PDB file of N, CA and C in Angstrom:
ATOM      1  N   MET A   1     206.392  74.326 -54.602  1.00  0.00           N
ATOM      2  CA  MET A   1     206.475  75.425 -52.758  1.00  0.00           C
ATOM      3  C   MET A   1     206.926  76.341 -52.832  1.00  0.00           C
ATOM      4  N   ARG A   2     205.705  77.306 -52.531  1.00  0.00           N
ATOM      5  CA  ARG A   2     206.411  78.742 -52.969  1.00  0.00           C
ATOM      6  C   ARG A   2     207.214  79.633 -51.843  1.00  0.00           C
ATOM      7  N   THR A   3     207.832  80.457 -52.505  1.00  0.00           N
ATOM      8  CA  THR A   3     208.613  80.858 -51.542  1.00  0.00           C
ATOM      9  C   THR A   3     208.560  82.479 -51.103  1.00  0.00           C
ATOM     10  N   ARG A   4     208.684  82.751 -50.128  1.00  0.00           N
ATOM     11  CA  ARG A   4     208.239  83.954 -49.060  1.00  0.00           C
ATOM     12  C   ARG A   4     209.197  84.876 -50.307  1.00  0.00           C
ATOM     13  N   THR A   5     208.235  86.013 -50.916  1.00  0.00           N
ATOM     14  CA  THR A   5     209.706  87.255 -51.171  1.00  0.00           C
ATOM     15  C   THR A   5     209.222  88.391 -50.251  1.00  0.00           C
ATOM     16  N   ALA A   6     208.257  88.421 -49.658  1.00  0.00           N
ATOM     17  CA  ALA A   6     208.269  89.701 -48.618  1.00  0.00           C
ATOM     18  C   ALA A   6     208.544  89.644 -47.560  1.00  0.00           C
ATOM     19  N   ALA A   7     209.475  91.012 -47.174  1.00  0.00           N
ATOM     20  CA  ALA A   7     210.005  91.104 -46.117  1.00  0.00           C
ATOM     21  C   ALA A   7     209.012  91.261 -44.720  1.00  0.00           C
ATOM     22  N   LEU A   8     209.505  89.881 -43.636  1.00  0.00           N
ATOM     23  CA  LEU A   8     208.621  89.932 -42.537  1.00  0.00           C
ATOM     24  C   LEU A   8     208.208  91.172 -42.003  1.00  0.00           C
ATOM     25  N   PRO A   9     207.300  91.150 -40.997  1.00  0.00           N
ATOM     26  CA  PRO A   9     207.341  92.371 -40.201  1.00  0.00           C
ATOM     27  C   PRO A   9     207.852  92.538 -39.156  1.00  0.00           C
ATOM     28  N   THR A  10     208.313  93.759 -38.162  1.00  0.00           N
ATOM     29  CA  THR A  10     209.416  94.095 -37.814  1.00  0.00           C
ATOM     30  C   THR A  10     208.229  94.007 -35.741  1.00  0.00           C
ATOM     31  N   GLN A  11     206.811  94.030 -36.153  1.00  0.00           N
ATOM     32  CA  GLN A  11     206.687  93.976 -34.853  1.00  0.00           C
ATOM     33  C   GLN A  11     205.174  92.790 -35.088  1.00  0.00           C
ATOM     34  N   LEU A  12     204.975  92.098 -33.953  1.00  0.00           N
ATOM     35  CA  LEU A  12     203.923  91.729 -33.941  1.00  0.00           C
ATOM     36  C   LEU A  12     203.010  91.983 -32.781  1.00  0.00           C
ATOM     37  N   ILE A  13     201.566  92.246 -33.017  1.00  0.00           N
ATOM     38  CA  ILE A  13     200.432  92.866 -32.272  1.00  0.00           C
ATOM     39  C   ILE A  13     199.512  91.727 -32.005  1.00  0.00           C
ATOM     40  N   PRO A  14     199.490  91.133 -30.687  1.00  0.00           N
ATOM     41  CA  PRO A  14     198.482  90.330 -30.149  1.00  0.00           C
ATOM     42  C   PRO A  14     197.208  91.217 -30.390  1.00  0.00           C
ATOM     43  N   VAL A  15     196.399  90.644 -30.610  1.00  0.00           N
ATOM     44  CA  VAL A  15     194.799  90.907 -30.484  1.00  0.00           C
ATOM     45  C   VAL A  15     194.609  90.976 -28.983  1.00  0.00           C
ATOM     46  N   PRO A  16     194.165  91.791 -28.454  1.00  0.00           N
ATOM     47  CA  PRO A  16     193.954  92.349 -26.802  1.00  0.00           C
ATOM     48  C   PRO A  16     192.630  91.889 -26.681  1.00  0.00           C
ATOM     49  N   LEU A  17     192.570  91.590 -25.217  1.00  0.00           N
ATOM     50  CA  LEU A  17     191.251  91.208 -24.427  1.00  0.00           C
ATOM     51  C   LEU A  17     191.512  92.528 -24.026  1.00  0.00           C
ATOM     52  N   HIS A  18     189.462  92.447 -23.640  1.00  0.00           N
ATOM     53  CA  HIS A  18     189.556  93.466 -22.573  1.00  0.00           C
ATOM     54  C   HIS A  18     189.706  93.199 -21.072  1.00  0.00           C
ATOM     55  N   HIS A  19     190.022  93.931 -20.425  1.00  0.00           N
ATOM     56  CA  HIS A  19     191.014  93.124 -18.746  1.00  0.00           C
ATOM     57  C   HIS A  19     189.649  92.732 -18.238  1.00  0.00           C
ATOM     58  N   THR A  20     188.738  92.821 -18.172  1.00  0.00           N
ATOM     59  CA  THR A  20     187.979  91.684 -17.645  1.00  0.00           C
ATOM     60  C   THR A  20     187.323  90.356 -18.080  1.00  0.00           C
ATOM     61  N   ARG A  21     187.968  90.274 -19.765  1.00  0.00           N
ATOM     62  CA  ARG A  21     187.982  89.010 -20.101  1.00  0.00           C
ATOM     63  C   ARG A  21     189.000  88.624 -20.127  1.00  0.00           C
ATOM     64  N   LEU A  22     190.173  89.500 -19.569  1.00  0.00           N
ATOM     65  CA  LEU A  22     191.524  88.645 -19.195  1.00  0.00           C
ATOM     66  C   LEU A  22     191.695  88.215 -17.792  1.00  0.00           C
ATOM     67  N   ARG A  23     190.849  88.265 -17.452  1.00  0.00           N
ATOM     68  CA  ARG A  23     190.633  88.685 -15.622  1.00  0.00           C
ATOM     69  C   ARG A  23     190.272  87.158 -15.056  1.00  0.00           C
ATOM     70  N   GLU A  24     189.224  87.411 -16.724  1.00  0.00           N
ATOM     71  CA  GLU A  24     188.391  85.897 -16.487  1.00  0.00           C
ATOM     72  C   GLU A  24     188.843  84.793 -16.967  1.00  0.00           C
ATOM     73  N   ARG A  25     189.706  84.571 -18.309  1.00  0.00           N
ATOM     74  CA  ARG A  25     190.336  83.458 -18.765  1.00  0.00           C
ATOM     75  C   ARG A  25     191.901  83.180 -17.824  1.00  0.00           C
ATOM     76  N   GLY A  26     192.190  84.471 -17.730  1.00  0.00           N
ATOM     77  CA  GLY A  26     193.694  83.960 -17.236  1.00  0.00           C
ATOM     78  C   GLY A  26     194.512  84.427 -17.756  1.00  0.00           C
ATOM     79  N   PHE A  27     194.984  84.367 -19.030  1.00  0.00           N
ATOM     80  CA  PHE A  27     195.998  84.658 -20.136  1.00  0.00           C
ATOM     81  C   PHE A  27     194.944  84.791 -21.733  1.00  0.00           C
ATOM     82  N   ASN A  28     196.244  85.630 -22.351  1.00  0.00           N
ATOM     83  CA  ASN A  28     195.250  86.080 -23.967  1.00  0.00           C
ATOM     84  C   ASN A  28     195.905  85.094 -24.974  1.00  0.00           C
ATOM     85  N   GLN A  29     195.200  84.275 -25.584  1.00  0.00           N
ATOM     86  CA  GLN A  29     195.457  83.326 -26.416  1.00  0.00           C
ATOM     87  C   GLN A  29     196.233  83.488 -27.783  1.00  0.00           C
ATOM     88  N   ALA A  30     196.042  84.628 -28.171  1.00  0.00           N
ATOM     89  CA  ALA A  30     196.986  85.644 -28.981  1.00  0.00           C
ATOM     90  C   ALA A  30     197.982  85.940 -28.722  1.00  0.00           C
ATOM     91  N   THR A  31     198.223  86.613 -27.295  1.00  0.00           N
ATOM     92  CA  THR A  31     199.696  86.828 -27.009  1.00  0.00           C
ATOM     93  C   THR A  31     200.752  85.725 -27.163  1.00  0.00           C
ATOM     94  N   GLU A  32     199.835  84.303 -26.565  1.00  0.00           N
ATOM     95  CA  GLU A  32     200.918  83.771 -26.008  1.00  0.00           C
ATOM     96  C   GLU A  32     201.274  82.886 -27.681  1.00  0.00           C
ATOM     97  N   LEU A  33     200.447  83.048 -28.660  1.00  0.00           N
ATOM     98  CA  LEU A  33     200.473  82.552 -29.844  1.00  0.00           C
ATOM     99  C   LEU A  33     202.262  83.816 -30.547  1.00  0.00           C
ATOM    100  N   ALA A  34     201.968  85.118 -30.660  1.00  0.00           N
ATOM    101  CA  ALA A  34     202.436  86.243 -30.641  1.00  0.00           C
ATOM    102  C   ALA A  34     203.713  85.602 -29.988  1.00  0.00           C
ATOM    103  N   ARG A  35     203.962  85.264 -28.666  1.00  0.00           N
ATOM    104  CA  ARG A  35     205.459  85.406 -28.320  1.00  0.00           C
ATOM    105  C   ARG A  35     206.454  84.103 -28.762  1.00  0.00           C
ATOM    106  N   ARG A  36     205.769  83.026 -29.202  1.00  0.00           N
ATOM    107  CA  ARG A  36     206.025  81.585 -29.955  1.00  0.00           C
ATOM    108  C   ARG A  36     206.631  82.584 -31.267  1.00  0.00           C
ATOM    109  N   ILE A  37     205.765  82.962 -32.231  1.00  0.00           N
ATOM    110  CA  ILE A  37     205.899  83.011 -33.199  1.00  0.00           C
ATOM    111  C   ILE A  37     207.424  84.002 -33.389  1.00  0.00           C
ATOM    112  N   GLY A  38     206.684  84.893 -32.285  1.00  0.00           N
ATOM    113  CA  GLY A  38     208.350  86.252 -32.129  1.00  0.00           C
ATOM    114  C   GLY A  38     209.534  85.358 -32.279  1.00  0.00           C
ATOM    115  N   ARG A  39     209.389  84.521 -31.172  1.00  0.00           N
ATOM    116  CA  ARG A  39     210.525  83.845 -30.798  1.00  0.00           C
ATOM    117  C   ARG A  39     211.227  82.938 -31.834  1.00  0.00           C
ATOM    118  N   GLU A  40     210.480  82.238 -32.739  1.00  0.00           N
ATOM    119  CA  GLU A  40     210.914  81.700 -33.557  1.00  0.00           C
ATOM    120  C   GLU A  40     211.554  82.603 -34.762  1.00  0.00           C
ATOM    121  N   LEU A  41     210.787  83.401 -35.126  1.00  0.00           N
ATOM    122  CA  LEU A  41     210.985  84.531 -36.258  1.00  0.00           C
ATOM    123  C   LEU A  41     212.167  85.562 -36.163  1.00  0.00           C
ATOM    124  N   GLY A  42     212.257  85.623 -34.572  1.00  0.00           N
ATOM    125  CA  GLY A  42     213.153  86.858 -34.214  1.00  0.00           C
ATOM    126  C   GLY A  42     212.257  88.421 -34.526  1.00  0.00           C
ATOM    127  N   ILE A  43     210.870  88.414 -34.038  1.00  0.00           N
ATOM    128  CA  ILE A  43     209.931  89.149 -34.103  1.00  0.00           C
ATOM    129  C   ILE A  43     209.732  89.789 -32.632  1.00  0.00           C
ATOM    130  N   GLU A  44     209.883  91.365 -32.856  1.00  0.00           N
ATOM    131  CA  GLU A  44     209.081  92.078 -31.921  1.00  0.00           C
ATOM    132  C   GLU A  44     207.893  92.202 -31.482  1.00  0.00           C
ATOM    133  N   ILE A  45     207.408  91.819 -30.216  1.00  0.00           N
ATOM    134  CA  ILE A  45     206.440  91.604 -29.778  1.00  0.00           C
ATOM    135  C   ILE A  45     205.829  93.232 -29.463  1.00  0.00           C
ATOM    136  N   GLY A  46     204.630  93.216 -29.726  1.00  0.00           N
ATOM    137  CA  GLY A  46     204.231  95.219 -29.087  1.00  0.00           C
ATOM    138  C   GLY A  46     202.597  94.757 -28.215  1.00  0.00           C
ATOM    139  N   LEU A  47     203.223  94.221 -27.147  1.00  0.00           N
ATOM    140  CA  LEU A  47     202.480  93.699 -25.894  1.00  0.00           C
ATOM    141  C   LEU A  47     201.167  94.887 -25.444  1.00  0.00           C
ATOM    142  N   ARG A  48     202.144  96.288 -25.828  1.00  0.00           N
ATOM    143  CA  ARG A  48     201.081  97.123 -25.308  1.00  0.00           C
ATOM    144  C   ARG A  48     200.859  98.198 -26.011  1.00  0.00           C
ATOM    145  N   CYS A  49     200.724  97.738 -27.334  1.00  0.00           N
ATOM    146  CA  CYS A  49     200.741  98.889 -28.792  1.00  0.00           C
ATOM    147  C   CYS A  49     198.967  98.962 -28.949  1.00  0.00           C
ATOM    148  N   ALA A  50     198.509  98.077 -28.413  1.00  0.00           N
ATOM    149  CA  ALA A  50     196.422  98.141 -28.875  1.00  0.00           C
ATOM    150  C   ALA A  50     196.221  97.555 -27.488  1.00  0.00           C
ATOM    151  N   ARG A  51     194.691  98.216 -27.283  1.00  0.00           N
ATOM    152  CA  ARG A  51     193.733  97.734 -25.991  1.00  0.00           C
ATOM    153  C   ARG A  51     193.008  97.725 -26.539  1.00  0.00           C
ATOM    154  N   ARG A  52     191.973  96.603 -26.359  1.00  0.00           N
ATOM    155  CA  ARG A  52     190.735  97.238 -26.336  1.00  0.00           C
ATOM    156  C   ARG A  52     189.936  97.652 -25.127  1.00  0.00           C
ATOM    157  N   HIS A  53     189.183  98.533 -24.929  1.00  0.00           N
ATOM    158  CA  HIS A  53     189.124  99.433 -24.254  1.00  0.00           C
ATOM    159  C   HIS A  53     187.554  99.340 -23.690  1.00  0.00           C
ATOM    160  N   ARG A  54     186.893  98.433 -25.258  1.00  0.00           N
ATOM    161  CA  ARG A  54     185.496  98.359 -24.629  1.00  0.00           C
ATOM    162  C   ARG A  54     185.327  96.803 -24.959  1.00  0.00           C
ATOM    163  N   ALA A  55     184.313  96.218 -23.831  1.00  0.00           N
ATOM    164  CA  ALA A  55     184.001  95.380 -23.666  1.00  0.00           C
ATOM    165  C   ALA A  55     182.887  94.416 -24.321  1.00  0.00           C
ATOM    166  N   THR A  56     183.210  93.825 -25.622  1.00  0.00           N
ATOM    167  CA  THR A  56     182.411  93.262 -26.188  1.00  0.00           C
ATOM    168  C   THR A  56     182.016  92.025 -26.369  1.00  0.00           C
ATOM    169  N   GLN A  57     180.524  91.016 -26.982  1.00  0.00           N
ATOM    170  CA  GLN A  57     180.307  90.257 -26.931  1.00  0.00           C
ATOM    171  C   GLN A  57     181.418  89.564 -27.209  1.00  0.00           C
ATOM    172  N   PRO A  58     180.860  87.909 -27.149  1.00  0.00           N
ATOM    173  CA  PRO A  58     181.891  87.331 -27.756  1.00  0.00           C
ATOM    174  C   PRO A  58     181.604  86.799 -29.416  1.00  0.00           C
ATOM    175  N   GLN A  59     182.756  86.831 -30.032  1.00  0.00           N
ATOM    176  CA  GLN A  59     182.069  87.543 -31.357  1.00  0.00           C
ATOM    177  C   GLN A  59     181.574  85.764 -32.196  1.00  0.00           C
ATOM    178  N   SER A  60     181.520  85.006 -31.546  1.00  0.00           N
ATOM    179  CA  SER A  60     181.145  83.506 -31.884  1.00  0.00           C
ATOM    180  C   SER A  60     179.959  83.207 -31.881  1.00  0.00           C
ATOM    181  N   LEU A  61     179.424  84.478 -31.124  1.00  0.00           N
ATOM    182  CA  LEU A  61     177.974  84.010 -30.759  1.00  0.00           C
ATOM    183  C   LEU A  61     177.106  85.089 -31.778  1.00  0.00           C
ATOM    184  N   LEU A  62     177.522  85.667 -32.724  1.00  0.00           N
ATOM    185  CA  LEU A  62     176.722  86.749 -33.170  1.00  0.00           C
ATOM    186  C   LEU A  62     177.168  86.451 -34.686  1.00  0.00           C
ATOM    187  N   SER A  63     176.074  87.085 -35.754  1.00  0.00           N
ATOM    188  CA  SER A  63     175.748  86.909 -37.078  1.00  0.00           C
ATOM    189  C   SER A  63     176.766  87.772 -37.650  1.00  0.00           C
ATOM    190  N   PRO A  64     177.102  87.572 -38.699  1.00  0.00           N
ATOM    191  CA  PRO A  64     178.453  88.805 -39.495  1.00  0.00           C
ATOM    192  C   PRO A  64     177.870  90.153 -39.356  1.00  0.00           C
ATOM    193  N   THR A  65     176.535  90.321 -38.942  1.00  0.00           N
ATOM    194  CA  THR A  65     176.743  91.960 -39.248  1.00  0.00           C
ATOM    195  C   THR A  65     177.041  92.532 -37.851  1.00  0.00           C
ATOM    196  N   ALA A  66     176.002  91.623 -36.971  1.00  0.00           N
ATOM    197  CA  ALA A  66     176.354  91.863 -35.440  1.00  0.00           C
ATOM    198  C   ALA A  66     177.852  91.715 -35.153  1.00  0.00           C
ATOM    199  N   ARG A  67     178.460  91.401 -35.487  1.00  0.00           N
ATOM    200  CA  ARG A  67     180.171  91.307 -35.707  1.00  0.00           C
ATOM    201  C   ARG A  67     180.564  92.298 -35.791  1.00  0.00           C
ATOM    202  N   ARG A  68     180.377  92.667 -36.925  1.00  0.00           N
ATOM    203  CA  ARG A  68     181.018  94.417 -37.410  1.00  0.00           C
ATOM    204  C   ARG A  68     180.566  95.100 -36.126  1.00  0.00           C
ATOM    205  N   LEU A  69     179.408  95.321 -36.166  1.00  0.00           N
ATOM    206  CA  LEU A  69     179.187  95.685 -35.316  1.00  0.00           C
ATOM    207  C   LEU A  69     179.607  95.880 -34.133  1.00  0.00           C
ATOM    208  N   ASN A  70     179.367  95.046 -33.935  1.00  0.00           N
ATOM    209  CA  ASN A  70     180.231  94.624 -31.933  1.00  0.00           C
ATOM    210  C   ASN A  70     181.442  95.470 -31.713  1.00  0.00           C
ATOM    211  N   LEU A  71     182.498  95.180 -32.773  1.00  0.00           N
ATOM    212  CA  LEU A  71     183.694  95.490 -33.022  1.00  0.00           C
ATOM    213  C   LEU A  71     183.813  97.345 -32.833  1.00  0.00           C
ATOM    214  N   ARG A  72     183.164  97.975 -33.316  1.00  0.00           N
ATOM    215  CA  ARG A  72     183.677  99.265 -34.148  1.00  0.00           C
ATOM    216  C   ARG A  72     183.935  99.801 -32.451  1.00  0.00           C
ATOM    217  N   HIS A  73     185.287 100.885 -32.917  1.00  0.00           N
ATOM    218  CA  HIS A  73     185.602 101.303 -31.537  1.00  0.00           C
ATOM    219  C   HIS A  73     185.908 100.914 -29.995  1.00  0.00           C
ATOM    220  N   ALA A  74     185.870  99.241 -30.349  1.00  0.00           N
ATOM    221  CA  ALA A  74     186.264  98.649 -29.622  1.00  0.00           C
ATOM    222  C   ALA A  74     187.862  99.027 -28.846  1.00  0.00           C
ATOM    223  N   PHE A  75     188.576  99.041 -30.465  1.00  0.00           N
ATOM    224  CA  PHE A  75     190.373  99.030 -30.079  1.00  0.00           C
ATOM    225  C   PHE A  75     191.009 100.500 -30.160  1.00  0.00           C
ATOM    226  N   SER A  76     191.678 100.615 -29.658  1.00  0.00           N
ATOM    227  CA  SER A  76     192.781 101.782 -29.478  1.00  0.00           C
ATOM    228  C   SER A  76     194.478 101.452 -29.273  1.00  0.00           C
ATOM    229  N   VAL A  77     194.941 102.420 -29.824  1.00  0.00           N
ATOM    230  CA  VAL A  77     196.368 102.327 -29.786  1.00  0.00           C
ATOM    231  C   VAL A  77     197.010 102.844 -28.693  1.00  0.00           C
ATOM    232  N   GLN A  78     197.723 101.915 -27.824  1.00  0.00           N
ATOM    233  CA  GLN A  78     198.400 102.853 -26.657  1.00  0.00           C
ATOM    234  C   GLN A  78     199.720 103.197 -26.659  1.00  0.00           C
ATOM    235  N   ASP A  79     200.681 102.606 -27.542  1.00  0.00           N
ATOM    236  CA  ASP A  79     202.139 102.713 -27.892  1.00  0.00           C
ATOM    237  C   ASP A  79     202.240 103.374 -29.006  1.00  0.00           C
ATOM    238  N   THR A  80     202.795 104.607 -29.099  1.00  0.00           N
ATOM    239  CA  THR A  80     202.803 105.365 -30.683  1.00  0.00           C
ATOM    240  C   THR A  80     204.043 105.136 -30.797  1.00  0.00           C
ATOM    241  N   ALA A  81     204.969 104.033 -30.678  1.00  0.00           N
ATOM    242  CA  ALA A  81     206.140 103.652 -31.158  1.00  0.00           C
ATOM    243  C   ALA A  81     206.303 102.398 -31.351  1.00  0.00           C
ATOM    244  N   LEU A  82     204.860 102.725 -33.068  1.00  0.00           N
ATOM    245  CA  LEU A  82     204.939 101.534 -33.421  1.00  0.00           C
ATOM    246  C   LEU A  82     205.857 101.270 -34.954  1.00  0.00           C
ATOM    247  N   ALA A  83     205.608 100.039 -35.075  1.00  0.00           N
ATOM    248  CA  ALA A  83     206.505  99.672 -36.538  1.00  0.00           C
ATOM    249  C   ALA A  83     205.914 100.125 -37.621  1.00  0.00           C
ATOM    250  N   GLN A  84     206.288 100.485 -38.826  1.00  0.00           N
ATOM    251  CA  GLN A  84     205.801 100.806 -39.841  1.00  0.00           C
ATOM    252  C   GLN A  84     205.303  99.621 -40.806  1.00  0.00           C
ATOM    253  N   HIS A  85     205.964  98.214 -40.215  1.00  0.00           N
ATOM    254  CA  HIS A  85     205.136  96.973 -40.644  1.00  0.00           C
ATOM    255  C   HIS A  85     204.977  95.953 -39.791  1.00  0.00           C
ATOM    256  N   VAL A  86     203.775  95.733 -39.762  1.00  0.00           N
ATOM    257  CA  VAL A  86     202.802  94.742 -38.396  1.00  0.00           C
ATOM    258  C   VAL A  86     202.436  93.728 -38.852  1.00  0.00           C
ATOM    259  N   ALA A  87     201.860  92.819 -37.850  1.00  0.00           N
ATOM    260  CA  ALA A  87     201.071  91.569 -37.901  1.00  0.00           C
ATOM    261  C   ALA A  87     200.259  91.416 -37.008  1.00  0.00           C
ATOM    262  N   ILE A  88     199.216  91.692 -37.195  1.00  0.00           N
ATOM    263  CA  ILE A  88     197.980  91.445 -35.771  1.00  0.00           C
ATOM    264  C   ILE A  88     198.112  89.711 -35.464  1.00  0.00           C
ATOM    265  N   VAL A  89     198.143  89.099 -34.509  1.00  0.00           N
ATOM    266  CA  VAL A  89     198.292  87.610 -34.389  1.00  0.00           C
ATOM    267  C   VAL A  89     197.329  87.327 -33.964  1.00  0.00           C
ATOM    268  N   ASP A  90     196.170  86.138 -33.976  1.00  0.00           N
ATOM    269  CA  ASP A  90     194.865  85.929 -33.607  1.00  0.00           C
ATOM    270  C   ASP A  90     194.954  84.430 -33.635  1.00  0.00           C
ATOM    271  N   ASP A  91     194.309  84.017 -33.099  1.00  0.00           N
ATOM    272  CA  ASP A  91     193.941  82.292 -32.740  1.00  0.00           C
ATOM    273  C   ASP A  91     192.803  82.040 -34.464  1.00  0.00           C
ATOM    274  N   VAL A  92     191.719  82.201 -34.081  1.00  0.00           N
ATOM    275  CA  VAL A  92     191.156  81.971 -35.562  1.00  0.00           C
ATOM    276  C   VAL A  92     190.468  83.491 -36.031  1.00  0.00           C
ATOM    277  N   MET A  93     190.164  83.028 -36.994  1.00  0.00           N
ATOM    278  CA  MET A  93     189.275  84.378 -37.972  1.00  0.00           C
ATOM    279  C   MET A  93     188.152  83.650 -38.754  1.00  0.00           C
ATOM    280  N   THR A  94     186.522  84.315 -38.436  1.00  0.00           N
ATOM    281  CA  THR A  94     185.801  83.702 -38.893  1.00  0.00           C
ATOM    282  C   THR A  94     185.538  85.110 -40.005  1.00  0.00           C
ATOM    283  N   THR A  95     185.255  85.698 -39.947  1.00  0.00           N
ATOM    284  CA  THR A  95     184.474  87.088 -41.222  1.00  0.00           C
ATOM    285  C   THR A  95     185.859  87.825 -40.868  1.00  0.00           C
ATOM    286  N   GLY A  96     186.523  88.095 -40.238  1.00  0.00           N
ATOM    287  CA  GLY A  96     187.875  89.212 -40.251  1.00  0.00           C
ATOM    288  C   GLY A  96     187.638  90.142 -39.840  1.00  0.00           C
ATOM    289  N   HIS A  97     186.680  90.406 -39.091  1.00  0.00           N
ATOM    290  CA  HIS A  97     185.922  91.855 -38.836  1.00  0.00           C
ATOM    291  C   HIS A  97     186.830  92.279 -37.650  1.00  0.00           C
ATOM    292  N   THR A  98     187.355  91.161 -36.384  1.00  0.00           N
ATOM    293  CA  THR A  98     188.346  91.729 -35.505  1.00  0.00           C
ATOM    294  C   THR A  98     189.243  92.343 -35.914  1.00  0.00           C
ATOM    295  N   GLY A  99     190.271  91.507 -37.103  1.00  0.00           N
ATOM    296  CA  GLY A  99     191.357  91.980 -37.690  1.00  0.00           C
ATOM    297  C   GLY A  99     191.394  93.503 -38.412  1.00  0.00           C
ATOM    298  N   ASN A 100     190.236  93.580 -39.321  1.00  0.00           N
ATOM    299  CA  ASN A 100     189.780  94.666 -39.843  1.00  0.00           C
ATOM    300  C   ASN A 100     190.072  96.316 -39.041  1.00  0.00           C
ATOM    301  N   GLU A 101     189.119  95.776 -37.771  1.00  0.00           N
ATOM    302  CA  GLU A 101     188.867  96.888 -36.707  1.00  0.00           C
ATOM    303  C   GLU A 101     190.271  97.131 -36.705  1.00  0.00           C
ATOM    304  N   LEU A 102     190.978  96.338 -35.873  1.00  0.00           N
ATOM    305  CA  LEU A 102     192.261  96.590 -35.407  1.00  0.00           C
ATOM    306  C   LEU A 102     193.488  96.999 -36.033  1.00  0.00           C
ATOM    307  N   ALA A 103     193.054  96.741 -37.499  1.00  0.00           N
ATOM    308  CA  ALA A 103     194.367  97.132 -38.762  1.00  0.00           C
ATOM    309  C   ALA A 103     193.647  98.227 -39.054  1.00  0.00           C
ATOM    310  N   LYS A 104     192.516  98.902 -38.748  1.00  0.00           N
ATOM    311  CA  LYS A 104     192.127 100.184 -39.480  1.00  0.00           C
ATOM    312  C   LYS A 104     192.988 101.466 -37.940  1.00  0.00           C
ATOM    313  N   VAL A 105     192.388 101.239 -36.901  1.00  0.00           N
ATOM    314  CA  VAL A 105     193.207 101.941 -35.848  1.00  0.00           C
ATOM    315  C   VAL A 105     194.844 101.991 -35.812  1.00  0.00           C
ATOM    316  N   LEU A 106     195.159 100.582 -36.349  1.00  0.00           N
ATOM    317  CA  LEU A 106     197.056 101.023 -36.643  1.00  0.00           C
ATOM    318  C   LEU A 106     197.581 101.721 -37.726  1.00  0.00           C
ATOM    319  N   LYS A 107     196.437 101.664 -38.726  1.00  0.00           N
ATOM    320  CA  LYS A 107     196.953 102.768 -39.803  1.00  0.00           C
ATOM    321  C   LYS A 107     196.718 104.052 -39.872  1.00  0.00           C
ATOM    322  N   GLN A 108     195.326 104.278 -38.581  1.00  0.00           N
ATOM    323  CA  GLN A 108     195.418 105.759 -38.338  1.00  0.00           C
ATOM    324  C   GLN A 108     196.292 106.565 -37.295  1.00  0.00           C
ATOM    325  N   ALA A 109     197.103 105.481 -36.912  1.00  0.00           N
ATOM    326  CA  ALA A 109     198.219 105.634 -35.964  1.00  0.00           C
ATOM    327  C   ALA A 109     199.302 106.057 -36.467  1.00  0.00           C
ATOM    328  N   GLY A 110     199.485 105.291 -37.680  1.00  0.00           N
ATOM    329  CA  GLY A 110     200.552 105.983 -38.388  1.00  0.00           C
ATOM    330  C   GLY A 110     201.338 104.425 -39.384  1.00  0.00           C
ATOM    331  N   VAL A 111     200.782 103.273 -38.983  1.00  0.00           N
ATOM    332  CA  VAL A 111     201.583 101.758 -39.515  1.00  0.00           C
ATOM    333  C   VAL A 111     201.112 102.216 -40.861  1.00  0.00           C
ATOM    334  N   GLN A 112     202.086 101.886 -41.298  1.00  0.00           N
ATOM    335  CA  GLN A 112     201.766 101.584 -43.087  1.00  0.00           C
ATOM    336  C   GLN A 112     201.186 100.409 -43.200  1.00  0.00           C
ATOM    337  N   ARG A 113     201.603  99.715 -43.301  1.00  0.00           N
ATOM    338  CA  ARG A 113     201.757  97.930 -43.713  1.00  0.00           C
ATOM    339  C   ARG A 113     201.096  97.376 -42.330  1.00  0.00           C
ATOM    340  N   VAL A 114     200.070  96.699 -42.646  1.00  0.00           N
ATOM    341  CA  VAL A 114     199.640  95.575 -41.844  1.00  0.00           C
ATOM    342  C   VAL A 114     198.815  94.553 -41.855  1.00  0.00           C
ATOM    343  N   GLU A 115     199.304  92.943 -41.925  1.00  0.00           N
ATOM    344  CA  GLU A 115     199.456  91.776 -41.997  1.00  0.00           C
ATOM    345  C   GLU A 115     198.434  91.092 -40.869  1.00  0.00           C
ATOM    346  N   VAL A 116     197.498  90.275 -41.034  1.00  0.00           N
ATOM    347  CA  VAL A 116     196.845  89.506 -40.469  1.00  0.00           C
ATOM    348  C   VAL A 116     197.622  88.248 -40.031  1.00  0.00           C
ATOM    349  N   TRP A 117     198.108  87.579 -39.115  1.00  0.00           N
ATOM    350  CA  TRP A 117     198.256  86.170 -38.999  1.00  0.00           C
ATOM    351  C   TRP A 117     197.735  85.167 -38.064  1.00  0.00           C
ATOM    352  N   VAL A 118     196.946  84.217 -38.678  1.00  0.00           N
ATOM    353  CA  VAL A 118     195.662  83.528 -37.449  1.00  0.00           C
ATOM    354  C   VAL A 118     196.242  81.962 -37.866  1.00  0.00           C
ATOM    355  N   ILE A 119     195.736  81.605 -36.325  1.00  0.00           N
ATOM    356  CA  ILE A 119     196.228  79.913 -37.045  1.00  0.00           C
ATOM    357  C   ILE A 119     195.363  78.993 -37.341  1.00  0.00           C
ATOM    358  N   ALA A 120     194.071  79.298 -37.670  1.00  0.00           N
ATOM    359  CA  ALA A 120     192.883  78.706 -38.020  1.00  0.00           C
ATOM    360  C   ALA A 120     191.913  79.699 -38.321  1.00  0.00           C
ATOM    361  N   ARG A 121     191.162  79.191 -39.474  1.00  0.00           N
ATOM    362  CA  ARG A 121     190.123  79.813 -40.751  1.00  0.00           C
ATOM    363  C   ARG A 121     188.943  78.571 -40.237  1.00  0.00           C
ATOM    364  N   ALA A 122     188.165  80.063 -39.518  1.00  0.00           N
ATOM    365  CA  ALA A 122     186.750  78.911 -39.777  1.00  0.00           C
ATOM    366  C   ALA A 122     185.742  79.500 -40.800  1.00  0.00           C
ATOM    367  N   GLY A 123     185.230  78.586 -41.197  1.00  0.00           N
ATOM    368  CA  GLY A 123     184.199  79.040 -42.317  1.00  0.00           C
ATOM    369  C   GLY A 123     183.028  77.719 -42.516  1.00  0.00           C
TER     370      GLY A 123
END
């Protein structure tokens, strides 16, 4: 068993859904995961830190190249009270484009270290 020596992030940021998708679904699975993880590890959850301001097609229906293009400029930072070390929380990672795009905007907003935490890796 490997012992974790790195410090935990001080803030969890769930991958945001566009408001129309959130209304259709009724919940954001990444938010639900972040709440549970945050409670268990004692980490703050930044529910309003990031926003998906552009409705994107479901990534599962797209090729790897189309996935990258689908997410370009889809996210923005809403809250400037970001921690220096954050973890993006999502349910499934396939190509990693969602996490990369959100990490890019978080780093542009001044976050020093971004991790991506997922429950499953599709492959």
